[in-house]
């Protein structure tokens, strides 16, 4: 693939997957600055690896693989670094002036996100892909797992999240 084709493919891939890439970043990190750094790292890795794409899977599956692998390495590196956090760096959901029911739903989503952050890397990315609406087959392809194993692991992760929600926030 020549440079111009690579640039067009990169632009299209980023345009089509920007939201998904950010959600992968947020699945691994809570600090806004680190999320931005991870997003840039993912973009760089996608750019550097696009010429290696052999079209054995869809482009979006390939992008997910690159993003997930980059996120795991980045999050591991960040976890080893000592740091001081100030409150301005934490990811927060915007305040809502909607009905109390909406606010309650937002609170529940925030609680679920907190519980997801407590999962190990594999489980966290697995549930993130489920929340993205990917099929078991697509998830199996991205994570290089057997499709039946994906189904089993998803059920276990859902149960673990439910248990964490109940332990930390009371019965559902």
N, C-alpha and C. Protein backbone atom coordinates (compact mmCIF):
# COMPACT_ATOMS: atom_id res chain seq x y z
N UNK A 1 0.87 -1.16 0.00
CA UNK A 1 0.00 0.00 0.00
C UNK A 1 0.92 1.23 0.00
N UNK A 2 0.63 2.16 -0.90
CA UNK A 2 1.45 3.38 -0.95
C UNK A 2 1.02 4.35 0.15
N UNK A 3 1.81 5.40 0.32
CA UNK A 3 1.60 6.37 1.40
C UNK A 3 0.22 7.03 1.33
N UNK A 4 -0.20 7.40 0.12
CA UNK A 4 -1.49 8.08 -0.06
C UNK A 4 -2.65 7.14 0.33
N UNK A 5 -2.57 5.87 -0.11
CA UNK A 5 -3.60 4.89 0.24
C UNK A 5 -3.64 4.67 1.75
N UNK A 6 -2.45 4.61 2.36
CA UNK A 6 -2.38 4.43 3.80
C UNK A 6 -3.01 5.61 4.53
N UNK A 7 -2.76 6.82 4.05
CA UNK A 7 -3.35 8.02 4.67
C UNK A 7 -4.88 8.00 4.57
N UNK A 8 -5.39 7.63 3.39
CA UNK A 8 -6.85 7.57 3.21
C UNK A 8 -7.46 6.51 4.12
N UNK A 9 -6.83 5.34 4.17
CA UNK A 9 -7.33 4.26 5.02
C UNK A 9 -7.28 4.68 6.49
N UNK A 10 -6.20 5.30 6.90
CA UNK A 10 -6.07 5.76 8.28
C UNK A 10 -7.17 6.76 8.62
N UNK A 11 -7.37 7.75 7.76
CA UNK A 11 -8.42 8.75 8.00
C UNK A 11 -9.79 8.10 8.13
N UNK A 12 -10.09 7.15 7.25
CA UNK A 12 -11.38 6.46 7.30
C UNK A 12 -11.52 5.63 8.57
N UNK A 13 -10.46 4.91 8.91
CA UNK A 13 -10.48 4.06 10.10
C UNK A 13 -10.71 4.90 11.35
N UNK A 14 -10.01 6.01 11.46
CA UNK A 14 -10.15 6.86 12.64
C UNK A 14 -11.55 7.48 12.67
N UNK A 15 -12.03 7.94 11.54
CA UNK A 15 -13.38 8.52 11.47
C UNK A 15 -14.44 7.50 11.90
N UNK A 16 -14.29 6.26 11.43
CA UNK A 16 -15.28 5.22 11.72
C UNK A 16 -15.19 4.67 13.14
N UNK A 17 -14.03 4.80 13.79
CA UNK A 17 -13.80 4.12 15.06
C UNK A 17 -13.43 5.04 16.22
N UNK A 18 -13.50 6.35 16.03
CA UNK A 18 -13.05 7.29 17.06
C UNK A 18 -13.75 7.05 18.40
N UNK A 19 -15.05 6.96 18.39
CA UNK A 19 -15.79 6.73 19.64
C UNK A 19 -15.42 5.43 20.30
N UNK A 20 -15.30 4.39 19.52
CA UNK A 20 -14.92 3.08 20.07
C UNK A 20 -13.53 3.13 20.69
N UNK A 21 -12.62 3.80 20.02
CA UNK A 21 -11.26 3.90 20.54
C UNK A 21 -11.24 4.64 21.87
N UNK A 22 -12.01 5.71 21.97
CA UNK A 22 -12.07 6.44 23.24
C UNK A 22 -12.70 5.57 24.33
N UNK A 23 -13.70 4.79 23.99
CA UNK A 23 -14.33 3.94 25.01
C UNK A 23 -13.35 2.87 25.49
N UNK A 24 -12.51 2.37 24.61
CA UNK A 24 -11.47 1.42 25.04
C UNK A 24 -10.52 2.12 26.01
N UNK A 25 -10.15 3.35 25.69
CA UNK A 25 -9.26 4.11 26.58
C UNK A 25 -9.89 4.28 27.96
N UNK A 26 -11.17 4.67 27.99
CA UNK A 26 -11.86 4.88 29.26
C UNK A 26 -12.09 3.56 30.01
N UNK A 27 -12.11 2.44 29.30
CA UNK A 27 -12.25 1.15 29.97
C UNK A 27 -11.01 0.82 30.79
N UNK A 28 -9.87 1.39 30.42
CA UNK A 28 -8.62 1.08 31.09
C UNK A 28 -8.15 2.15 32.06
N UNK A 29 -8.55 3.38 31.85
CA UNK A 29 -7.99 4.48 32.63
C UNK A 29 -9.07 5.42 33.15
N UNK A 30 -8.78 6.10 34.27
CA UNK A 30 -9.71 7.07 34.84
C UNK A 30 -9.24 8.50 34.67
N UNK A 31 -7.98 8.69 34.43
CA UNK A 31 -7.38 10.02 34.35
C UNK A 31 -7.52 10.58 32.94
N UNK A 32 -8.13 11.76 32.81
CA UNK A 32 -8.37 12.36 31.49
C UNK A 32 -7.08 12.52 30.69
N UNK A 33 -6.01 12.94 31.36
CA UNK A 33 -4.73 13.15 30.66
C UNK A 33 -4.18 11.83 30.16
N UNK A 34 -4.29 10.79 30.97
CA UNK A 34 -3.80 9.48 30.55
C UNK A 34 -4.64 8.92 29.41
N UNK A 35 -5.94 9.16 29.46
CA UNK A 35 -6.81 8.73 28.36
C UNK A 35 -6.38 9.40 27.06
N UNK A 36 -6.10 10.69 27.12
CA UNK A 36 -5.65 11.41 25.93
C UNK A 36 -4.32 10.86 25.42
N UNK A 37 -3.41 10.56 26.34
CA UNK A 37 -2.12 9.99 25.95
C UNK A 37 -2.30 8.61 25.33
N UNK A 38 -3.16 7.80 25.93
CA UNK A 38 -3.41 6.46 25.39
C UNK A 38 -4.04 6.56 24.01
N UNK A 39 -4.98 7.46 23.84
CA UNK A 39 -5.63 7.62 22.54
C UNK A 39 -4.58 7.96 21.47
N UNK A 40 -3.68 8.87 21.80
CA UNK A 40 -2.61 9.23 20.85
C UNK A 40 -1.70 8.04 20.57
N UNK A 41 -1.40 7.27 21.59
CA UNK A 41 -0.57 6.08 21.42
C UNK A 41 -1.25 5.07 20.50
N UNK A 42 -2.55 4.89 20.68
CA UNK A 42 -3.31 3.97 19.82
C UNK A 42 -3.28 4.46 18.38
N UNK A 43 -3.51 5.76 18.18
CA UNK A 43 -3.46 6.30 16.81
C UNK A 43 -2.10 6.06 16.18
N UNK A 44 -1.04 6.27 16.95
CA UNK A 44 0.30 6.06 16.42
C UNK A 44 0.51 4.59 16.05
N UNK A 45 0.07 3.69 16.91
CA UNK A 45 0.22 2.25 16.64
C UNK A 45 -0.60 1.82 15.42
N UNK A 46 -1.79 2.36 15.29
CA UNK A 46 -2.61 2.03 14.11
C UNK A 46 -1.90 2.52 12.86
N UNK A 47 -1.41 3.76 12.89
CA UNK A 47 -0.72 4.32 11.72
C UNK A 47 0.49 3.46 11.35
N UNK A 48 1.29 3.09 12.34
CA UNK A 48 2.51 2.33 12.08
C UNK A 48 2.22 0.90 11.61
N UNK A 49 1.07 0.37 11.96
CA UNK A 49 0.80 -1.02 11.62
C UNK A 49 -0.15 -1.21 10.43
N UNK A 50 -0.73 -0.15 9.92
CA UNK A 50 -1.69 -0.30 8.82
C UNK A 50 -1.09 -0.99 7.60
N UNK A 51 0.17 -0.73 7.33
CA UNK A 51 0.78 -1.37 6.15
C UNK A 51 0.98 -2.87 6.36
N UNK A 52 0.81 -3.35 7.61
CA UNK A 52 0.92 -4.78 7.90
C UNK A 52 -0.45 -5.48 7.86
N UNK A 53 -1.51 -4.71 7.71
CA UNK A 53 -2.86 -5.28 7.68
C UNK A 53 -3.00 -6.19 6.46
N UNK A 54 -3.28 -7.48 6.72
CA UNK A 54 -3.34 -8.48 5.65
C UNK A 54 -4.75 -8.81 5.21
N UNK A 55 -5.73 -8.09 5.70
CA UNK A 55 -7.13 -8.27 5.33
C UNK A 55 -7.65 -9.68 5.61
N UNK A 56 -7.11 -10.29 6.69
CA UNK A 56 -7.60 -11.60 7.13
C UNK A 56 -8.84 -11.44 8.01
N UNK A 57 -9.09 -10.21 8.42
CA UNK A 57 -10.28 -9.87 9.20
C UNK A 57 -10.74 -8.51 8.71
N UNK A 58 -11.81 -7.99 9.30
CA UNK A 58 -12.26 -6.66 8.90
C UNK A 58 -11.30 -5.62 9.46
N UNK A 59 -11.29 -4.44 8.88
CA UNK A 59 -10.42 -3.37 9.35
C UNK A 59 -10.76 -3.01 10.79
N UNK A 60 -12.06 -2.96 11.12
CA UNK A 60 -12.44 -2.59 12.48
C UNK A 60 -11.95 -3.63 13.49
N UNK A 61 -11.98 -4.90 13.14
CA UNK A 61 -11.45 -5.95 14.03
C UNK A 61 -9.96 -5.75 14.24
N UNK A 62 -9.26 -5.46 13.17
CA UNK A 62 -7.82 -5.21 13.24
C UNK A 62 -7.54 -4.00 14.14
N UNK A 63 -8.31 -2.95 13.97
CA UNK A 63 -8.14 -1.73 14.78
C UNK A 63 -8.40 -2.04 16.25
N UNK A 64 -9.44 -2.83 16.54
CA UNK A 64 -9.72 -3.22 17.91
C UNK A 64 -8.53 -3.97 18.51
N UNK A 65 -7.96 -4.90 17.75
CA UNK A 65 -6.82 -5.66 18.25
C UNK A 65 -5.67 -4.74 18.61
N UNK A 66 -5.35 -3.84 17.70
CA UNK A 66 -4.27 -2.89 17.95
C UNK A 66 -4.59 -2.05 19.19
N UNK A 67 -5.81 -1.56 19.27
CA UNK A 67 -6.22 -0.70 20.39
C UNK A 67 -6.17 -1.46 21.72
N UNK A 68 -6.69 -2.65 21.74
CA UNK A 68 -6.72 -3.44 22.98
C UNK A 68 -5.29 -3.77 23.42
N UNK A 69 -4.46 -4.23 22.52
CA UNK A 69 -3.09 -4.56 22.88
C UNK A 69 -2.34 -3.33 23.38
N UNK A 70 -2.53 -2.21 22.72
CA UNK A 70 -1.89 -0.96 23.14
C UNK A 70 -2.40 -0.53 24.50
N UNK A 71 -3.70 -0.63 24.72
CA UNK A 71 -4.30 -0.22 26.00
C UNK A 71 -3.79 -1.08 27.15
N UNK A 72 -3.67 -2.37 26.93
CA UNK A 72 -3.18 -3.26 27.99
C UNK A 72 -1.74 -2.88 28.36
N UNK A 73 -0.89 -2.70 27.36
CA UNK A 73 0.51 -2.34 27.64
C UNK A 73 0.60 -0.97 28.31
N UNK A 74 -0.17 -0.02 27.82
CA UNK A 74 -0.14 1.33 28.36
C UNK A 74 -0.63 1.35 29.80
N UNK A 75 -1.74 0.68 30.07
CA UNK A 75 -2.32 0.65 31.42
C UNK A 75 -1.36 -0.02 32.40
N UNK A 76 -0.67 -1.06 31.96
CA UNK A 76 0.30 -1.73 32.80
C UNK A 76 1.44 -0.79 33.15
N UNK A 77 1.91 -0.05 32.15
CA UNK A 77 2.99 0.92 32.36
C UNK A 77 2.54 2.03 33.32
N UNK A 78 1.35 2.54 33.12
CA UNK A 78 0.82 3.62 33.96
C UNK A 78 0.65 3.14 35.40
N UNK A 79 0.19 1.91 35.57
CA UNK A 79 -0.04 1.37 36.92
C UNK A 79 1.27 1.27 37.71
N UNK A 80 2.38 1.09 37.03
CA UNK A 80 3.67 0.96 37.70
C UNK A 80 4.28 2.30 38.07
N UNK A 81 3.79 3.38 37.46
CA UNK A 81 4.34 4.71 37.71
C UNK A 81 3.71 5.32 38.96
N UNK A 82 4.54 5.79 39.89
CA UNK A 82 3.96 6.50 41.04
C UNK A 82 3.43 7.85 40.58
N UNK A 83 2.29 8.27 41.12
CA UNK A 83 1.72 9.53 40.69
C UNK A 83 0.82 10.11 41.77
N UNK A 84 0.61 11.39 41.64
CA UNK A 84 -0.30 12.11 42.51
C UNK A 84 -1.46 12.57 41.64
N UNK A 85 -2.67 12.27 42.05
CA UNK A 85 -3.84 12.66 41.27
C UNK A 85 -4.52 13.85 41.93
N UNK A 86 -4.91 14.79 41.12
CA UNK A 86 -5.78 15.84 41.64
C UNK A 86 -7.18 15.58 41.10
N UNK A 87 -8.18 16.12 41.74
CA UNK A 87 -9.56 15.83 41.37
C UNK A 87 -9.90 16.26 39.95
N UNK A 88 -9.20 17.24 39.40
CA UNK A 88 -9.52 17.71 38.06
C UNK A 88 -9.18 16.69 36.99
N UNK A 89 -8.35 15.70 37.32
CA UNK A 89 -7.94 14.72 36.32
C UNK A 89 -8.93 13.57 36.20
N UNK A 90 -9.81 13.41 37.18
CA UNK A 90 -10.74 12.29 37.15
C UNK A 90 -11.83 12.49 36.12
N UNK A 91 -12.20 11.39 35.47
CA UNK A 91 -13.27 11.42 34.49
C UNK A 91 -14.59 11.54 35.24
N UNK A 92 -15.38 12.49 34.85
CA UNK A 92 -16.69 12.67 35.47
C UNK A 92 -17.76 12.74 34.40
N UNK A 93 -18.91 12.21 34.73
CA UNK A 93 -20.04 12.37 33.83
C UNK A 93 -20.60 13.77 34.02
N UNK A 94 -21.04 14.42 32.95
CA UNK A 94 -21.55 15.77 33.10
C UNK A 94 -22.80 15.81 33.97
N UNK A 95 -22.95 16.91 34.69
CA UNK A 95 -24.13 17.08 35.53
C UNK A 95 -25.37 17.18 34.64
N UNK A 96 -26.46 16.68 35.14
CA UNK A 96 -27.68 16.64 34.35
C UNK A 96 -28.79 17.42 35.04
N UNK A 97 -29.54 18.14 34.24
CA UNK A 97 -30.70 18.84 34.80
C UNK A 97 -31.97 18.10 34.43
N UNK A 98 -31.81 16.84 34.01
CA UNK A 98 -32.96 16.03 33.61
C UNK A 98 -33.72 15.54 34.84
N UNK A 99 -34.66 14.70 34.63
CA UNK A 99 -35.50 14.17 35.70
C UNK A 99 -34.68 13.34 36.69
N UNK A 100 -35.19 13.15 37.89
CA UNK A 100 -34.49 12.31 38.88
C UNK A 100 -34.25 10.88 38.36
N UNK A 101 -35.16 10.38 37.54
CA UNK A 101 -35.00 9.04 37.00
C UNK A 101 -33.75 8.97 36.12
N UNK A 102 -33.53 9.99 35.31
CA UNK A 102 -32.34 10.06 34.46
C UNK A 102 -31.08 10.14 35.33
N UNK A 103 -31.14 10.98 36.38
CA UNK A 103 -29.99 11.12 37.27
C UNK A 103 -29.69 9.80 37.98
N UNK A 104 -30.73 9.07 38.34
CA UNK A 104 -30.55 7.78 38.99
C UNK A 104 -29.88 6.80 38.02
N UNK A 105 -30.30 6.84 36.77
CA UNK A 105 -29.70 5.97 35.75
C UNK A 105 -28.23 6.34 35.55
N UNK A 106 -27.93 7.62 35.50
CA UNK A 106 -26.55 8.09 35.34
C UNK A 106 -25.70 7.63 36.53
N UNK A 107 -26.28 7.71 37.73
CA UNK A 107 -25.56 7.28 38.93
C UNK A 107 -25.26 5.78 38.84
N UNK A 108 -26.23 5.01 38.39
CA UNK A 108 -26.06 3.56 38.26
C UNK A 108 -24.97 3.24 37.23
N UNK A 109 -24.95 3.98 36.12
CA UNK A 109 -23.91 3.78 35.11
C UNK A 109 -22.53 4.10 35.65
N UNK A 110 -22.44 5.15 36.44
CA UNK A 110 -21.17 5.52 37.06
C UNK A 110 -20.72 4.42 38.02
N UNK A 111 -21.66 3.89 38.78
CA UNK A 111 -21.35 2.80 39.70
C UNK A 111 -20.88 1.56 38.94
N UNK A 112 -21.56 1.25 37.83
CA UNK A 112 -21.16 0.10 37.03
C UNK A 112 -19.76 0.30 36.46
N UNK A 113 -19.48 1.52 35.98
CA UNK A 113 -18.15 1.82 35.45
C UNK A 113 -17.09 1.62 36.53
N UNK A 114 -17.38 2.04 37.75
CA UNK A 114 -16.46 1.84 38.87
C UNK A 114 -16.21 0.36 39.11
N UNK A 115 -17.25 -0.44 39.03
CA UNK A 115 -17.11 -1.90 39.21
C UNK A 115 -16.32 -2.51 38.06
N UNK A 116 -16.55 -2.06 36.85
CA UNK A 116 -15.81 -2.57 35.69
C UNK A 116 -14.32 -2.27 35.85
N UNK A 117 -13.99 -1.12 36.41
CA UNK A 117 -12.59 -0.75 36.63
C UNK A 117 -11.88 -1.73 37.58
N UNK A 118 -12.63 -2.44 38.40
CA UNK A 118 -12.05 -3.38 39.35
C UNK A 118 -11.73 -4.74 38.73
N UNK A 119 -12.21 -4.97 37.51
CA UNK A 119 -11.96 -6.25 36.84
C UNK A 119 -10.52 -6.31 36.32
N UNK A 120 -10.06 -7.53 36.04
CA UNK A 120 -8.73 -7.64 35.43
C UNK A 120 -8.80 -7.18 33.97
N UNK A 121 -7.64 -6.99 33.36
CA UNK A 121 -7.59 -6.42 32.01
C UNK A 121 -8.43 -7.17 31.00
N UNK A 122 -8.32 -8.49 30.98
CA UNK A 122 -9.05 -9.28 29.99
C UNK A 122 -10.56 -9.13 30.17
N UNK A 123 -11.01 -9.23 31.42
CA UNK A 123 -12.45 -9.12 31.68
C UNK A 123 -12.96 -7.72 31.38
N UNK A 124 -12.14 -6.72 31.70
CA UNK A 124 -12.54 -5.33 31.45
C UNK A 124 -12.70 -5.08 29.95
N UNK A 125 -11.78 -5.54 29.15
CA UNK A 125 -11.90 -5.30 27.71
C UNK A 125 -13.03 -6.16 27.14
N UNK A 126 -13.21 -7.35 27.66
CA UNK A 126 -14.29 -8.23 27.20
C UNK A 126 -15.64 -7.55 27.39
N UNK A 127 -15.89 -7.03 28.58
CA UNK A 127 -17.19 -6.39 28.83
C UNK A 127 -17.30 -5.09 28.05
N UNK A 128 -16.20 -4.40 27.82
CA UNK A 128 -16.23 -3.19 27.00
C UNK A 128 -16.66 -3.51 25.57
N UNK A 129 -16.18 -4.61 25.04
CA UNK A 129 -16.56 -5.02 23.68
C UNK A 129 -18.03 -5.43 23.63
N UNK A 130 -18.50 -6.06 24.70
CA UNK A 130 -19.93 -6.41 24.79
C UNK A 130 -20.77 -5.14 24.78
N UNK A 131 -20.35 -4.16 25.58
CA UNK A 131 -21.08 -2.90 25.67
C UNK A 131 -21.04 -2.13 24.34
N UNK A 132 -20.03 -2.40 23.53
CA UNK A 132 -19.94 -1.80 22.19
C UNK A 132 -20.95 -2.43 21.23
N UNK A 133 -21.51 -3.57 21.63
CA UNK A 133 -22.49 -4.23 20.79
C UNK A 133 -21.89 -5.22 19.80
N UNK A 134 -20.65 -5.62 20.01
CA UNK A 134 -20.03 -6.58 19.11
C UNK A 134 -20.58 -7.97 19.36
N UNK A 135 -20.60 -8.78 18.33
CA UNK A 135 -21.07 -10.15 18.45
C UNK A 135 -20.00 -11.00 19.13
N UNK A 136 -20.40 -12.17 19.62
CA UNK A 136 -19.45 -13.09 20.24
C UNK A 136 -18.35 -13.45 19.24
N UNK A 137 -18.74 -13.62 17.99
CA UNK A 137 -17.77 -13.98 16.95
C UNK A 137 -16.73 -12.86 16.75
N UNK A 138 -17.20 -11.63 16.72
CA UNK A 138 -16.27 -10.50 16.56
C UNK A 138 -15.34 -10.39 17.77
N UNK A 139 -15.89 -10.58 18.96
CA UNK A 139 -15.08 -10.52 20.18
C UNK A 139 -14.05 -11.64 20.18
N UNK A 140 -14.47 -12.83 19.80
CA UNK A 140 -13.54 -13.96 19.73
C UNK A 140 -12.41 -13.67 18.76
N UNK A 141 -12.74 -13.06 17.64
CA UNK A 141 -11.72 -12.72 16.64
C UNK A 141 -10.76 -11.67 17.18
N UNK A 142 -11.28 -10.65 17.83
CA UNK A 142 -10.43 -9.57 18.37
C UNK A 142 -9.50 -10.08 19.46
N UNK A 143 -10.04 -10.91 20.35
CA UNK A 143 -9.25 -11.39 21.49
C UNK A 143 -8.55 -12.72 21.21
N UNK A 144 -8.69 -13.23 20.00
CA UNK A 144 -8.08 -14.51 19.61
C UNK A 144 -8.47 -15.62 20.59
N UNK A 145 -9.78 -15.75 20.80
CA UNK A 145 -10.33 -16.77 21.71
C UNK A 145 -11.34 -17.62 20.95
N UNK A 146 -11.62 -18.77 21.50
CA UNK A 146 -12.68 -19.62 20.99
C UNK A 146 -14.02 -18.95 21.29
N UNK A 147 -14.96 -19.00 20.35
CA UNK A 147 -16.25 -18.32 20.51
C UNK A 147 -17.02 -18.85 21.71
N UNK A 148 -16.92 -20.15 21.99
CA UNK A 148 -17.61 -20.72 23.15
C UNK A 148 -17.01 -20.19 24.45
N UNK A 149 -15.70 -20.06 24.48
CA UNK A 149 -15.03 -19.51 25.65
C UNK A 149 -15.46 -18.06 25.89
N UNK A 150 -15.63 -17.32 24.81
CA UNK A 150 -16.09 -15.93 24.93
C UNK A 150 -17.45 -15.89 25.63
N UNK A 151 -18.36 -16.75 25.20
CA UNK A 151 -19.69 -16.78 25.82
C UNK A 151 -19.63 -17.11 27.30
N UNK A 152 -18.82 -18.09 27.66
CA UNK A 152 -18.66 -18.48 29.06
C UNK A 152 -18.08 -17.33 29.87
N UNK A 153 -17.02 -16.72 29.34
CA UNK A 153 -16.36 -15.62 30.06
C UNK A 153 -17.29 -14.41 30.21
N UNK A 154 -18.07 -14.11 29.18
CA UNK A 154 -19.01 -12.98 29.28
C UNK A 154 -20.01 -13.21 30.40
N UNK A 155 -20.55 -14.41 30.47
CA UNK A 155 -21.51 -14.72 31.54
C UNK A 155 -20.86 -14.59 32.92
N UNK A 156 -19.62 -15.06 33.05
CA UNK A 156 -18.93 -14.95 34.33
C UNK A 156 -18.65 -13.49 34.69
N UNK A 157 -18.25 -12.71 33.71
CA UNK A 157 -17.96 -11.29 33.96
C UNK A 157 -19.24 -10.56 34.37
N UNK A 158 -20.35 -10.84 33.70
CA UNK A 158 -21.62 -10.21 34.07
C UNK A 158 -21.99 -10.54 35.51
N UNK A 159 -21.80 -11.79 35.90
CA UNK A 159 -22.09 -12.19 37.28
C UNK A 159 -21.17 -11.48 38.26
N UNK A 160 -19.89 -11.35 37.89
CA UNK A 160 -18.93 -10.68 38.76
C UNK A 160 -19.30 -9.21 38.93
N UNK A 161 -19.71 -8.56 37.84
CA UNK A 161 -20.11 -7.15 37.93
C UNK A 161 -21.36 -7.01 38.79
N UNK A 162 -22.32 -7.89 38.60
CA UNK A 162 -23.54 -7.86 39.41
C UNK A 162 -23.20 -8.01 40.89
N UNK A 163 -22.31 -8.94 41.20
CA UNK A 163 -21.92 -9.15 42.60
C UNK A 163 -21.21 -7.91 43.15
N UNK A 164 -20.31 -7.32 42.37
CA UNK A 164 -19.62 -6.11 42.81
C UNK A 164 -20.60 -4.97 43.05
N UNK A 165 -21.57 -4.84 42.16
CA UNK A 165 -22.60 -3.79 42.32
C UNK A 165 -23.36 -4.01 43.61
N UNK A 166 -23.75 -5.25 43.89
CA UNK A 166 -24.52 -5.55 45.10
C UNK A 166 -23.69 -5.30 46.36
N UNK A 167 -22.42 -5.70 46.33
CA UNK A 167 -21.54 -5.54 47.50
C UNK A 167 -21.32 -4.05 47.78
N UNK A 168 -21.06 -3.27 46.75
CA UNK A 168 -20.71 -1.86 46.95
C UNK A 168 -21.91 -0.92 47.02
N UNK A 169 -23.00 -1.27 46.35
CA UNK A 169 -24.11 -0.31 46.23
C UNK A 169 -25.47 -0.87 46.64
N UNK A 170 -25.51 -2.09 47.11
CA UNK A 170 -26.77 -2.67 47.57
C UNK A 170 -27.45 -3.47 46.48
N UNK A 171 -28.56 -4.12 46.83
CA UNK A 171 -29.29 -4.97 45.88
C UNK A 171 -29.73 -4.19 44.64
N UNK A 172 -29.70 -4.88 43.53
CA UNK A 172 -30.11 -4.25 42.26
C UNK A 172 -31.61 -4.17 42.14
